[in-house]
N, C-alpha and C. Protein backbone atom coordinates (compact mmCIF):
# COMPACT_ATOMS: atom_id res chain seq x y z
N MET A 1 -120.28 50.90 56.67
CA MET A 1 -120.60 49.50 56.51
C MET A 1 -121.87 49.40 55.66
N ARG A 2 -121.84 48.51 54.67
CA ARG A 2 -122.99 48.35 53.80
C ARG A 2 -124.14 47.65 54.51
N GLU A 3 -125.33 47.86 53.99
CA GLU A 3 -126.55 47.25 54.55
C GLU A 3 -126.42 45.74 54.67
N ALA A 4 -125.79 45.11 53.68
CA ALA A 4 -125.65 43.65 53.68
C ALA A 4 -124.89 43.17 54.91
N GLU A 5 -123.89 43.90 55.33
CA GLU A 5 -123.08 43.50 56.47
C GLU A 5 -123.77 43.81 57.80
N ARG A 6 -124.46 44.95 57.87
CA ARG A 6 -125.15 45.33 59.11
C ARG A 6 -126.20 44.31 59.52
N ALA A 7 -126.92 43.78 58.57
CA ALA A 7 -128.05 42.91 58.88
C ALA A 7 -127.75 41.44 58.62
N ARG A 8 -126.50 41.07 58.42
CA ARG A 8 -126.14 39.69 58.09
C ARG A 8 -126.76 38.73 59.10
N GLY A 9 -127.44 37.70 58.57
CA GLY A 9 -128.03 36.67 59.41
C GLY A 9 -129.48 36.90 59.77
N VAL A 10 -130.01 38.08 59.48
CA VAL A 10 -131.42 38.36 59.75
C VAL A 10 -132.28 37.50 58.84
N ILE A 11 -133.36 36.94 59.37
CA ILE A 11 -134.27 36.13 58.58
C ILE A 11 -135.33 37.03 57.95
N VAL A 12 -135.50 36.89 56.65
CA VAL A 12 -136.50 37.64 55.89
C VAL A 12 -137.62 36.67 55.55
N THR A 13 -138.85 37.02 55.89
CA THR A 13 -140.00 36.17 55.56
C THR A 13 -140.74 36.79 54.39
N LEU A 14 -140.87 36.03 53.31
CA LEU A 14 -141.57 36.51 52.12
C LEU A 14 -143.08 36.37 52.31
N PRO A 15 -143.89 37.04 51.50
CA PRO A 15 -145.35 36.96 51.65
C PRO A 15 -145.91 35.53 51.62
N ASP A 16 -145.25 34.62 50.89
CA ASP A 16 -145.73 33.24 50.83
C ASP A 16 -145.25 32.39 52.01
N GLY A 17 -144.49 32.99 52.93
CA GLY A 17 -144.00 32.27 54.11
C GLY A 17 -142.58 31.75 53.98
N THR A 18 -142.00 31.82 52.79
CA THR A 18 -140.62 31.38 52.58
C THR A 18 -139.69 32.22 53.44
N LYS A 19 -138.74 31.57 54.10
CA LYS A 19 -137.77 32.28 54.94
C LYS A 19 -136.39 32.21 54.28
N LEU A 20 -135.75 33.37 54.17
CA LEU A 20 -134.41 33.47 53.59
C LEU A 20 -133.53 34.26 54.55
N THR A 21 -132.24 33.96 54.52
CA THR A 21 -131.28 34.65 55.38
C THR A 21 -130.63 35.81 54.63
N TRP A 22 -130.63 36.98 55.27
CA TRP A 22 -130.00 38.17 54.71
C TRP A 22 -128.50 38.07 54.84
N PRO A 23 -127.71 38.51 53.89
CA PRO A 23 -128.03 39.27 52.68
C PRO A 23 -128.43 38.37 51.51
N ILE A 24 -129.33 38.87 50.72
CA ILE A 24 -129.87 38.15 49.57
C ILE A 24 -129.41 38.85 48.30
N VAL A 25 -129.02 38.06 47.30
CA VAL A 25 -128.70 38.58 45.97
C VAL A 25 -129.62 37.87 44.98
N CYS A 26 -130.36 38.64 44.19
CA CYS A 26 -131.22 38.08 43.15
C CYS A 26 -130.45 38.08 41.83
N VAL A 27 -130.46 36.94 41.16
CA VAL A 27 -129.72 36.78 39.92
C VAL A 27 -130.69 36.38 38.81
N ASP A 28 -130.67 37.14 37.74
CA ASP A 28 -131.50 36.82 36.58
C ASP A 28 -130.99 35.53 35.95
N PHE A 29 -131.88 34.79 35.34
CA PHE A 29 -131.49 33.51 34.73
C PHE A 29 -130.92 33.70 33.33
N ASP A 30 -131.78 34.13 32.40
CA ASP A 30 -131.37 34.26 31.00
C ASP A 30 -130.37 35.40 30.82
N GLY A 31 -129.23 35.10 30.25
CA GLY A 31 -128.22 36.11 29.96
C GLY A 31 -127.23 36.34 31.08
N VAL A 32 -127.52 35.83 32.29
CA VAL A 32 -126.59 35.96 33.41
C VAL A 32 -126.08 34.58 33.82
N LEU A 33 -127.00 33.66 34.03
CA LEU A 33 -126.60 32.30 34.41
C LEU A 33 -126.55 31.37 33.20
N ALA A 34 -127.44 31.57 32.27
CA ALA A 34 -127.51 30.72 31.07
C ALA A 34 -127.44 31.60 29.82
N GLU A 35 -126.94 31.01 28.76
CA GLU A 35 -126.89 31.73 27.49
C GLU A 35 -128.31 32.12 27.09
N TYR A 36 -128.43 33.25 26.41
CA TYR A 36 -129.73 33.75 26.00
C TYR A 36 -129.57 34.52 24.71
N HIS A 37 -130.49 34.30 23.78
CA HIS A 37 -130.40 34.95 22.48
C HIS A 37 -131.72 35.61 22.08
N GLY A 38 -132.50 36.04 23.06
CA GLY A 38 -133.76 36.72 22.78
C GLY A 38 -134.96 35.86 23.14
N TYR A 39 -136.09 36.52 23.34
CA TYR A 39 -137.28 35.83 23.81
C TYR A 39 -137.82 34.80 22.82
N GLN A 40 -137.47 34.93 21.53
CA GLN A 40 -137.98 33.98 20.55
C GLN A 40 -137.50 32.55 20.84
N THR A 41 -136.38 32.44 21.52
CA THR A 41 -135.80 31.12 21.79
C THR A 41 -135.92 30.77 23.28
N MET A 42 -136.90 31.35 23.96
CA MET A 42 -136.99 31.21 25.41
C MET A 42 -137.10 29.77 25.90
N HIS A 43 -137.73 28.90 25.16
CA HIS A 43 -137.94 27.54 25.66
C HIS A 43 -136.85 26.57 25.23
N GLU A 44 -135.80 27.08 24.61
CA GLU A 44 -134.65 26.23 24.34
C GLU A 44 -133.84 26.10 25.62
N GLN A 45 -133.05 25.04 25.72
CA GLN A 45 -132.24 24.80 26.92
C GLN A 45 -130.81 25.27 26.66
N PHE A 46 -130.46 26.42 27.20
CA PHE A 46 -129.14 26.98 26.98
C PHE A 46 -128.16 26.51 28.05
N PRO A 47 -126.90 26.34 27.66
CA PRO A 47 -125.89 25.95 28.66
C PRO A 47 -125.55 27.11 29.58
N PRO A 48 -124.98 26.79 30.75
CA PRO A 48 -124.56 27.87 31.65
C PRO A 48 -123.52 28.75 30.97
N LEU A 49 -123.54 30.03 31.28
CA LEU A 49 -122.52 30.94 30.77
C LEU A 49 -121.17 30.56 31.35
N LYS A 50 -120.16 30.77 30.58
CA LYS A 50 -118.80 30.53 31.04
C LYS A 50 -118.23 31.85 31.59
N GLY A 51 -117.15 31.80 32.30
CA GLY A 51 -116.51 33.01 32.81
C GLY A 51 -117.19 33.54 34.05
N THR A 52 -117.59 34.81 34.01
CA THR A 52 -118.13 35.45 35.21
C THR A 52 -119.56 35.04 35.52
N GLY A 53 -120.29 34.51 34.57
CA GLY A 53 -121.66 34.09 34.81
C GLY A 53 -121.72 32.63 35.21
N GLY A 54 -122.90 32.08 35.16
CA GLY A 54 -123.10 30.66 35.40
C GLY A 54 -122.59 30.16 36.73
N ARG A 55 -121.97 29.00 36.71
CA ARG A 55 -121.51 28.32 37.91
C ARG A 55 -120.55 29.17 38.74
N ASN A 56 -119.64 29.86 38.09
CA ASN A 56 -118.65 30.67 38.81
C ASN A 56 -119.32 31.74 39.65
N LEU A 57 -120.30 32.43 39.11
CA LEU A 57 -121.01 33.47 39.85
C LEU A 57 -121.73 32.87 41.05
N LEU A 58 -122.47 31.79 40.84
CA LEU A 58 -123.21 31.16 41.94
C LEU A 58 -122.26 30.66 43.03
N TYR A 59 -121.16 30.06 42.62
CA TYR A 59 -120.18 29.57 43.59
C TYR A 59 -119.63 30.72 44.45
N CYS A 60 -119.24 31.80 43.80
CA CYS A 60 -118.66 32.93 44.53
C CYS A 60 -119.66 33.58 45.49
N LEU A 61 -120.90 33.76 45.04
CA LEU A 61 -121.91 34.33 45.93
C LEU A 61 -122.14 33.42 47.14
N HIS A 62 -122.20 32.13 46.90
CA HIS A 62 -122.38 31.15 47.98
C HIS A 62 -121.18 31.20 48.93
N HIS A 63 -119.98 31.25 48.36
CA HIS A 63 -118.75 31.29 49.16
C HIS A 63 -118.74 32.51 50.10
N TYR A 64 -119.21 33.65 49.62
CA TYR A 64 -119.24 34.87 50.43
C TYR A 64 -120.52 34.98 51.27
N GLU A 65 -121.23 33.89 51.39
CA GLU A 65 -122.40 33.74 52.28
C GLU A 65 -123.58 34.62 51.92
N TYR A 66 -123.79 34.83 50.63
CA TYR A 66 -125.01 35.47 50.18
C TYR A 66 -126.05 34.40 49.94
N THR A 67 -127.30 34.71 50.26
CA THR A 67 -128.40 33.82 49.90
C THR A 67 -128.76 34.18 48.46
N VAL A 68 -128.74 33.17 47.59
CA VAL A 68 -128.95 33.41 46.17
C VAL A 68 -130.38 33.03 45.77
N VAL A 69 -131.03 33.97 45.09
CA VAL A 69 -132.36 33.76 44.54
C VAL A 69 -132.26 33.95 43.03
N ILE A 70 -132.73 32.97 42.27
CA ILE A 70 -132.80 33.13 40.81
C ILE A 70 -134.19 33.66 40.49
N HIS A 71 -134.22 34.76 39.73
CA HIS A 71 -135.53 35.29 39.29
C HIS A 71 -135.57 35.25 37.78
N SER A 72 -136.77 34.90 37.25
CA SER A 72 -136.90 34.74 35.82
C SER A 72 -138.36 34.74 35.41
N ALA A 73 -138.61 35.06 34.16
CA ALA A 73 -139.95 34.94 33.58
C ALA A 73 -140.20 33.51 33.11
N ARG A 74 -139.16 32.70 33.06
CA ARG A 74 -139.32 31.30 32.66
C ARG A 74 -140.12 30.54 33.73
N PRO A 75 -140.76 29.45 33.32
CA PRO A 75 -141.43 28.61 34.32
C PRO A 75 -140.41 28.06 35.32
N LYS A 76 -140.79 28.06 36.59
CA LYS A 76 -139.92 27.60 37.67
C LYS A 76 -139.41 26.18 37.41
N ALA A 77 -140.27 25.31 36.91
CA ALA A 77 -139.89 23.91 36.66
C ALA A 77 -138.73 23.81 35.67
N GLU A 78 -138.71 24.69 34.65
CA GLU A 78 -137.61 24.67 33.67
C GLU A 78 -136.29 25.03 34.33
N ILE A 79 -136.31 26.02 35.21
CA ILE A 79 -135.08 26.45 35.87
C ILE A 79 -134.63 25.41 36.89
N GLU A 80 -135.58 24.83 37.62
CA GLU A 80 -135.23 23.78 38.58
C GLU A 80 -134.58 22.60 37.86
N ALA A 81 -135.10 22.22 36.71
CA ALA A 81 -134.52 21.12 35.93
C ALA A 81 -133.12 21.50 35.43
N TRP A 82 -132.95 22.75 35.00
CA TRP A 82 -131.64 23.24 34.54
C TRP A 82 -130.63 23.19 35.68
N ARG A 83 -131.04 23.65 36.86
CA ARG A 83 -130.15 23.62 38.04
C ARG A 83 -129.69 22.21 38.34
N ALA A 84 -130.62 21.26 38.33
CA ALA A 84 -130.28 19.87 38.62
C ALA A 84 -129.36 19.30 37.54
N ARG A 85 -129.68 19.59 36.29
CA ARG A 85 -128.89 19.06 35.16
C ARG A 85 -127.44 19.55 35.21
N HIS A 86 -127.23 20.76 35.70
CA HIS A 86 -125.89 21.34 35.74
C HIS A 86 -125.28 21.35 37.15
N ASP A 87 -125.90 20.59 38.06
CA ASP A 87 -125.38 20.40 39.42
C ASP A 87 -125.15 21.74 40.13
N LEU A 88 -126.17 22.60 40.12
CA LEU A 88 -126.06 23.93 40.72
C LEU A 88 -127.04 24.15 41.88
N ALA A 89 -127.80 23.14 42.24
CA ALA A 89 -128.85 23.31 43.25
C ALA A 89 -128.30 23.77 44.59
N GLU A 90 -127.11 23.32 44.98
CA GLU A 90 -126.57 23.65 46.30
C GLU A 90 -126.30 25.14 46.49
N PHE A 91 -126.19 25.90 45.40
CA PHE A 91 -125.84 27.30 45.49
C PHE A 91 -127.04 28.24 45.52
N VAL A 92 -128.24 27.72 45.31
CA VAL A 92 -129.43 28.55 45.13
C VAL A 92 -130.49 28.19 46.16
N SER A 93 -131.02 29.20 46.86
CA SER A 93 -132.04 28.97 47.89
C SER A 93 -133.46 29.01 47.36
N LEU A 94 -133.68 29.77 46.27
CA LEU A 94 -135.05 29.95 45.78
C LEU A 94 -135.01 30.30 44.30
N VAL A 95 -136.01 29.81 43.57
CA VAL A 95 -136.26 30.19 42.18
C VAL A 95 -137.66 30.80 42.16
N THR A 96 -137.78 31.99 41.59
CA THR A 96 -139.07 32.68 41.62
C THR A 96 -139.21 33.65 40.45
N SER A 97 -140.45 34.03 40.18
CA SER A 97 -140.70 35.11 39.22
C SER A 97 -141.06 36.39 39.96
N GLU A 98 -141.10 36.33 41.28
CA GLU A 98 -141.42 37.49 42.12
C GLU A 98 -140.16 38.30 42.42
N LYS A 99 -140.32 39.59 42.65
CA LYS A 99 -139.19 40.41 43.08
C LYS A 99 -139.03 40.25 44.59
N VAL A 100 -137.87 39.76 44.99
CA VAL A 100 -137.56 39.48 46.39
C VAL A 100 -136.68 40.61 46.93
N PRO A 101 -136.87 41.02 48.19
CA PRO A 101 -135.98 42.04 48.76
C PRO A 101 -134.53 41.55 48.69
N ALA A 102 -133.62 42.42 48.27
CA ALA A 102 -132.23 42.00 48.11
C ALA A 102 -131.30 43.19 48.20
N VAL A 103 -130.02 42.90 48.46
CA VAL A 103 -129.01 43.95 48.47
C VAL A 103 -128.55 44.28 47.06
N ALA A 104 -128.77 43.33 46.13
CA ALA A 104 -128.37 43.56 44.73
C ALA A 104 -129.19 42.67 43.81
N TYR A 105 -129.38 43.17 42.59
CA TYR A 105 -130.06 42.42 41.53
C TYR A 105 -129.10 42.37 40.36
N VAL A 106 -128.70 41.17 39.98
CA VAL A 106 -127.76 40.99 38.87
C VAL A 106 -128.59 40.62 37.64
N ASP A 107 -128.59 41.51 36.65
CA ASP A 107 -129.45 41.31 35.48
C ASP A 107 -128.78 41.91 34.26
N ASP A 108 -128.76 41.17 33.17
CA ASP A 108 -128.10 41.65 31.95
C ASP A 108 -128.89 42.75 31.26
N ARG A 109 -130.12 42.98 31.64
CA ARG A 109 -130.93 44.02 31.02
C ARG A 109 -131.18 45.21 31.94
N ALA A 110 -130.51 45.26 33.04
CA ALA A 110 -130.77 46.31 34.03
C ALA A 110 -130.29 47.67 33.55
N VAL A 111 -131.02 48.69 33.97
CA VAL A 111 -130.60 50.07 33.81
C VAL A 111 -130.39 50.60 35.22
N ARG A 112 -129.18 50.96 35.53
CA ARG A 112 -128.90 51.47 36.88
C ARG A 112 -129.47 52.88 37.00
N PHE A 113 -130.29 53.07 38.00
CA PHE A 113 -130.96 54.33 38.21
C PHE A 113 -130.29 55.11 39.34
N HIS A 114 -130.21 56.42 39.17
CA HIS A 114 -129.77 57.32 40.23
C HIS A 114 -130.69 58.54 40.17
N PRO A 115 -131.13 59.05 41.33
CA PRO A 115 -132.06 60.19 41.34
C PRO A 115 -131.56 61.42 40.57
N SER A 116 -130.26 61.55 40.40
CA SER A 116 -129.74 62.71 39.68
C SER A 116 -129.82 62.55 38.15
N MET A 117 -130.23 61.37 37.69
CA MET A 117 -130.32 61.15 36.24
C MET A 117 -131.48 61.91 35.64
N SER A 118 -131.27 62.42 34.44
CA SER A 118 -132.37 63.07 33.73
C SER A 118 -133.21 61.99 33.04
N THR A 119 -134.42 62.37 32.68
CA THR A 119 -135.29 61.44 31.95
C THR A 119 -134.63 61.00 30.65
N SER A 120 -133.96 61.92 29.96
CA SER A 120 -133.32 61.57 28.70
C SER A 120 -132.17 60.58 28.91
N GLU A 121 -131.45 60.71 30.02
CA GLU A 121 -130.38 59.73 30.32
C GLU A 121 -130.96 58.35 30.55
N ILE A 122 -132.07 58.28 31.24
CA ILE A 122 -132.72 56.99 31.49
C ILE A 122 -133.22 56.40 30.17
N LEU A 123 -133.87 57.22 29.34
CA LEU A 123 -134.36 56.73 28.05
C LEU A 123 -133.22 56.28 27.15
N ASP A 124 -132.10 57.01 27.15
CA ASP A 124 -130.94 56.59 26.36
C ASP A 124 -130.44 55.23 26.81
N ALA A 125 -130.39 55.01 28.12
CA ALA A 125 -129.93 53.71 28.64
C ALA A 125 -130.89 52.59 28.24
N ILE A 126 -132.17 52.88 28.25
CA ILE A 126 -133.16 51.86 27.86
C ILE A 126 -133.04 51.52 26.38
N LYS A 127 -132.73 52.52 25.56
CA LYS A 127 -132.62 52.30 24.11
C LYS A 127 -131.35 51.55 23.71
N GLU A 128 -130.36 51.50 24.60
CA GLU A 128 -129.10 50.79 24.31
C GLU A 128 -129.42 49.32 24.01
N PRO A 129 -128.91 48.78 22.89
CA PRO A 129 -129.23 47.37 22.56
C PRO A 129 -128.69 46.41 23.62
N ALA A 130 -129.45 45.35 23.84
CA ALA A 130 -129.03 44.30 24.76
C ALA A 130 -127.80 43.60 24.19
N HIS A 131 -127.03 42.96 25.03
CA HIS A 131 -125.76 42.36 24.58
C HIS A 131 -125.96 41.34 23.48
N TRP A 132 -127.06 40.60 23.46
CA TRP A 132 -127.24 39.59 22.41
C TRP A 132 -127.70 40.22 21.09
N GLU A 133 -128.07 41.52 21.12
CA GLU A 133 -128.49 42.20 19.91
C GLU A 133 -127.35 42.95 19.23
N ARG A 134 -126.26 43.10 19.93
CA ARG A 134 -125.12 43.86 19.38
C ARG A 134 -124.32 42.99 18.42
N THR A 135 -123.82 43.63 17.39
CA THR A 135 -122.94 42.92 16.47
C THR A 135 -121.50 43.16 16.90
N PRO A 136 -120.69 42.10 16.90
CA PRO A 136 -119.29 42.26 17.37
C PRO A 136 -118.48 43.16 16.48
């Protein structure tokens, strides 16, 4: 049984006093929930991603009773306004720039780490271009 199932319903208290119910999934904003084309355009308002990202992802996580936290380097007010504009507030418990304890982190720039990986394997994964930098 996975950790998420063993501890389902446990209350997690964050350092600022915020209380969240386990299991928690942290979802990156740019590139996962909203379109993103690099940091140069960070303050533009991108629409939600279609398909597996955006509303569909948040709905499914909510349906399976995960507590959803959006994490981003963007100002919290921008993301809160985006959530309201796209009618997504009901699916998200918290928006933060802090790393919150979670069973999973969904991020378009993540490098999955395993202790058996060599340093060169990790560096190769880091050097791989981000999806918005690749040419089709």
